[in-house]
Amino acid sequence: QVHLVESGGGLVQAGGSLRLSCAAFGSVFSINAMGWYRQTPGKERELVAGITSGGSANYTDSVKGRFTISRDTAKNTVYLQMNSLRPEDTAVYYCYAVRPPVNYWGKGTLVTVSS
């Protein structure tokens, strides 16, 4: 089992920044990817950013150039630095970890961007 603990959400004005953190506990060996999804009411959960154990990162188009994902493998923690936030970034952000054959999820942290 892998347990994910997220932190860093909150309320910020448009143009501001937040940093999300997600720490993995438990059977963290062989986690080969971590990242973030987000979800707003009435919409499907969408991938925001992911990073492999080798450090390769990918982003959804709407956050490229604004968000940066990074990973501290020694601390089993992944970070999402979010800059130039927009009201449309408002969502619950969920951390995930892939430890085949299981995908693990955090409980989510709310990010609210006011206009």
C-alpha atoms as a PDB file:
ATOM      1  CA  GLN A   1       0.000   0.000   0.000  1.00  0.00           C
ATOM      2  CA  VAL A   2       1.012   3.586  -0.715  1.00  0.00           C
ATOM      3  CA  HIS A   3      -0.443   6.479   1.238  1.00  0.00           C
ATOM      4  CA  LEU A   4      -0.293   9.960  -0.300  1.00  0.00           C
ATOM      5  CA  VAL A   5      -0.517  13.149   1.756  1.00  0.00           C
ATOM      6  CA  GLU A   6      -1.105  16.402  -0.095  1.00  0.00           C
ATOM      7  CA  SER A   7      -0.615  19.958   1.139  1.00  0.00           C
ATOM      8  CA  GLY A   8      -0.371  23.485  -0.189  1.00  0.00           C
ATOM      9  CA  GLY A   9      -3.799  24.259  -1.560  1.00  0.00           C
ATOM     10  CA  GLY A  10      -5.671  27.431  -0.726  1.00  0.00           C
ATOM     11  CA  LEU A  11      -7.073  30.698  -1.980  1.00  0.00           C
ATOM     12  CA  VAL A  12      -5.019  32.985  -4.193  1.00  0.00           C
ATOM     13  CA  GLN A  13      -5.699  35.916  -6.455  1.00  0.00           C
ATOM     14  CA  ALA A  14      -5.324  35.630 -10.200  1.00  0.00           C
ATOM     15  CA  GLY A  15      -1.700  36.015 -11.162  1.00  0.00           C
ATOM     16  CA  GLY A  16      -0.493  34.595  -7.872  1.00  0.00           C
ATOM     17  CA  SER A  17       1.387  31.421  -7.057  1.00  0.00           C
ATOM     18  CA  LEU A  18       0.953  28.298  -4.978  1.00  0.00           C
ATOM     19  CA  ARG A  19       3.069  25.223  -4.441  1.00  0.00           C
ATOM     20  CA  LEU A  20       1.468  21.847  -3.875  1.00  0.00           C
ATOM     21  CA  SER A  21       3.323  19.016  -2.186  1.00  0.00           C
ATOM     22  CA  CYS A  22       2.542  15.322  -2.110  1.00  0.00           C
ATOM     23  CA  ALA A  23       4.469  12.929   0.108  1.00  0.00           C
ATOM     24  CA  ALA A  24       4.276   9.178  -0.369  1.00  0.00           C
ATOM     25  CA  PHE A  25       4.427   6.761   2.556  1.00  0.00           C
ATOM     26  CA  GLY A  26       4.350   2.998   2.880  1.00  0.00           C
ATOM     27  CA  SER A  27       5.504   0.718   0.102  1.00  0.00           C
ATOM     28  CA  VAL A  28       7.137   3.485  -1.898  1.00  0.00           C
ATOM     29  CA  PHE A  29       9.720   1.306  -3.601  1.00  0.00           C
ATOM     30  CA  SER A  30       9.014   0.754  -7.281  1.00  0.00           C
ATOM     31  CA  ILE A  31       6.867   3.881  -7.632  1.00  0.00           C
ATOM     32  CA  ASN A  32       7.651   4.769 -11.207  1.00  0.00           C
ATOM     33  CA  ALA A  33       5.603   7.916 -11.707  1.00  0.00           C
ATOM     34  CA  MET A  34       3.845  10.572  -9.678  1.00  0.00           C
ATOM     35  CA  GLY A  35       1.891  13.635 -10.547  1.00  0.00           C
ATOM     36  CA  TRP A  36      -1.279  15.649 -10.310  1.00  0.00           C
ATOM     37  CA  TYR A  37      -4.770  15.539 -11.709  1.00  0.00           C
ATOM     38  CA  ARG A  38      -7.480  18.121 -11.104  1.00  0.00           C
ATOM     39  CA  GLN A  39     -11.245  18.079 -11.158  1.00  0.00           C
ATOM     40  CA  THR A  40     -14.022  20.648 -11.120  1.00  0.00           C
ATOM     41  CA  PRO A  41     -17.719  19.891 -10.531  1.00  0.00           C
ATOM     42  CA  GLY A  42     -19.375  18.340 -13.549  1.00  0.00           C
ATOM     43  CA  LYS A  43     -16.119  17.663 -15.345  1.00  0.00           C
ATOM     44  CA  GLU A  44     -13.889  14.656 -15.685  1.00  0.00           C
ATOM     45  CA  ARG A  45     -10.629  14.514 -13.813  1.00  0.00           C
ATOM     46  CA  GLU A  46      -7.832  15.783 -16.057  1.00  0.00           C
ATOM     47  CA  LEU A  47      -4.103  15.206 -15.922  1.00  0.00           C
ATOM     48  CA  VAL A  48      -2.240  18.383 -15.010  1.00  0.00           C
ATOM     49  CA  ALA A  49       1.349  17.155 -14.831  1.00  0.00           C
ATOM     50  CA  GLY A  50       3.278  13.971 -14.276  1.00  0.00           C
ATOM     51  CA  ILE A  51       6.885  13.013 -13.698  1.00  0.00           C
ATOM     52  CA  THR A  52       8.620   9.667 -13.998  1.00  0.00           C
ATOM     53  CA  SER A  53      11.233   8.219 -11.679  1.00  0.00           C
ATOM     54  CA  GLY A  54      13.769   9.205 -14.327  1.00  0.00           C
ATOM     55  CA  GLY A  55      12.675  12.823 -14.171  1.00  0.00           C
ATOM     56  CA  SER A  56      10.753  13.076 -17.428  1.00  0.00           C
ATOM     57  CA  ALA A  57       7.845  15.478 -17.051  1.00  0.00           C
ATOM     58  CA  ASN A  58       4.721  16.103 -19.053  1.00  0.00           C
ATOM     59  CA  TYR A  59       2.059  18.789 -18.784  1.00  0.00           C
ATOM     60  CA  THR A  60      -1.378  19.470 -20.095  1.00  0.00           C
ATOM     61  CA  ASP A  61      -1.273  22.287 -22.654  1.00  0.00           C
ATOM     62  CA  SER A  62      -3.163  24.800 -20.529  1.00  0.00           C
ATOM     63  CA  VAL A  63      -0.482  24.858 -17.811  1.00  0.00           C
ATOM     64  CA  LYS A  64       2.672  24.700 -19.905  1.00  0.00           C
ATOM     65  CA  GLY A  65       4.968  27.602 -19.076  1.00  0.00           C
ATOM     66  CA  ARG A  66       3.100  28.323 -15.826  1.00  0.00           C
ATOM     67  CA  PHE A  67       3.346  25.123 -13.787  1.00  0.00           C
ATOM     68  CA  THR A  68       6.458  23.129 -12.952  1.00  0.00           C
ATOM     69  CA  ILE A  69       6.482  19.632 -11.516  1.00  0.00           C
ATOM     70  CA  SER A  70       9.467  18.304  -9.626  1.00  0.00           C
ATOM     71  CA  ARG A  71      10.282  15.261  -7.554  1.00  0.00           C
ATOM     72  CA  ASP A  72      12.502  14.602  -4.551  1.00  0.00           C
ATOM     73  CA  THR A  73      13.057  10.862  -4.720  1.00  0.00           C
ATOM     74  CA  ALA A  74      14.898  10.809  -1.385  1.00  0.00           C
ATOM     75  CA  LYS A  75      11.809  12.237   0.308  1.00  0.00           C
ATOM     76  CA  ASN A  76       9.328  10.397  -1.931  1.00  0.00           C
ATOM     77  CA  THR A  77       7.694  13.749  -2.539  1.00  0.00           C
ATOM     78  CA  VAL A  78       6.428  15.456  -5.660  1.00  0.00           C
ATOM     79  CA  TYR A  79       5.852  19.185  -5.970  1.00  0.00           C
ATOM     80  CA  LEU A  80       3.749  21.301  -8.287  1.00  0.00           C
ATOM     81  CA  GLN A  81       4.803  24.931  -8.507  1.00  0.00           C
ATOM     82  CA  MET A  82       1.912  26.907  -9.944  1.00  0.00           C
ATOM     83  CA  ASN A  83       2.571  30.423 -11.180  1.00  0.00           C
ATOM     84  CA  SER A  84       0.428  32.959 -13.028  1.00  0.00           C
ATOM     85  CA  LEU A  85      -2.677  31.254 -11.705  1.00  0.00           C
ATOM     86  CA  ARG A  86      -5.970  31.856 -13.460  1.00  0.00           C
ATOM     87  CA  PRO A  87      -9.553  31.489 -12.240  1.00  0.00           C
ATOM     88  CA  GLU A  88      -9.920  28.496 -14.567  1.00  0.00           C
ATOM     89  CA  ASP A  89      -7.222  26.714 -12.552  1.00  0.00           C
ATOM     90  CA  THR A  90      -9.682  26.503  -9.669  1.00  0.00           C
ATOM     91  CA  ALA A  91     -10.189  22.825  -8.886  1.00  0.00           C
ATOM     92  CA  VAL A  92      -9.511  20.052  -6.457  1.00  0.00           C
ATOM     93  CA  TYR A  93      -6.017  18.790  -7.184  1.00  0.00           C
ATOM     94  CA  TYR A  94      -5.309  15.108  -6.628  1.00  0.00           C
ATOM     95  CA  CYS A  95      -1.886  13.582  -6.297  1.00  0.00           C
ATOM     96  CA  TYR A  96      -1.309  10.172  -7.822  1.00  0.00           C
ATOM     97  CA  ALA A  97       1.431   7.568  -7.714  1.00  0.00           C
ATOM     98  CA  VAL A  98       1.886   4.670 -10.081  1.00  0.00           C
ATOM     99  CA  ARG A  99       3.261   1.508  -8.530  1.00  0.00           C
ATOM    100  CA  PRO A 100       2.330  -1.176 -11.017  1.00  0.00           C
ATOM    101  CA  PRO A 101      -0.155  -2.637 -11.217  1.00  0.00           C
ATOM    102  CA  VAL A 102      -1.894  -0.166  -8.899  1.00  0.00           C
ATOM    103  CA  ASN A 103      -2.516   3.577  -9.150  1.00  0.00           C
ATOM    104  CA  TYR A 104      -2.776   5.320  -5.809  1.00  0.00           C
ATOM    105  CA  TRP A 105      -4.578   8.584  -5.107  1.00  0.00           C
ATOM    106  CA  GLY A 106      -4.475  11.278  -2.492  1.00  0.00           C
ATOM    107  CA  LYS A 107      -7.614  12.773  -0.971  1.00  0.00           C
ATOM    108  CA  GLY A 108      -7.240  16.032  -2.875  1.00  0.00           C
ATOM    109  CA  THR A 109      -6.488  19.627  -2.012  1.00  0.00           C
ATOM    110  CA  LEU A 110      -8.619  22.576  -3.087  1.00  0.00           C
ATOM    111  CA  VAL A 111      -7.093  25.396  -5.090  1.00  0.00           C
ATOM    112  CA  THR A 112      -9.253  28.476  -5.539  1.00  0.00           C
ATOM    113  CA  VAL A 113      -8.139  31.344  -7.771  1.00  0.00           C
ATOM    114  CA  SER A 114     -10.146  34.538  -7.447  1.00  0.00           C
ATOM    115  CA  SER A 115     -10.462  37.046 -10.275  1.00  0.00           C
END
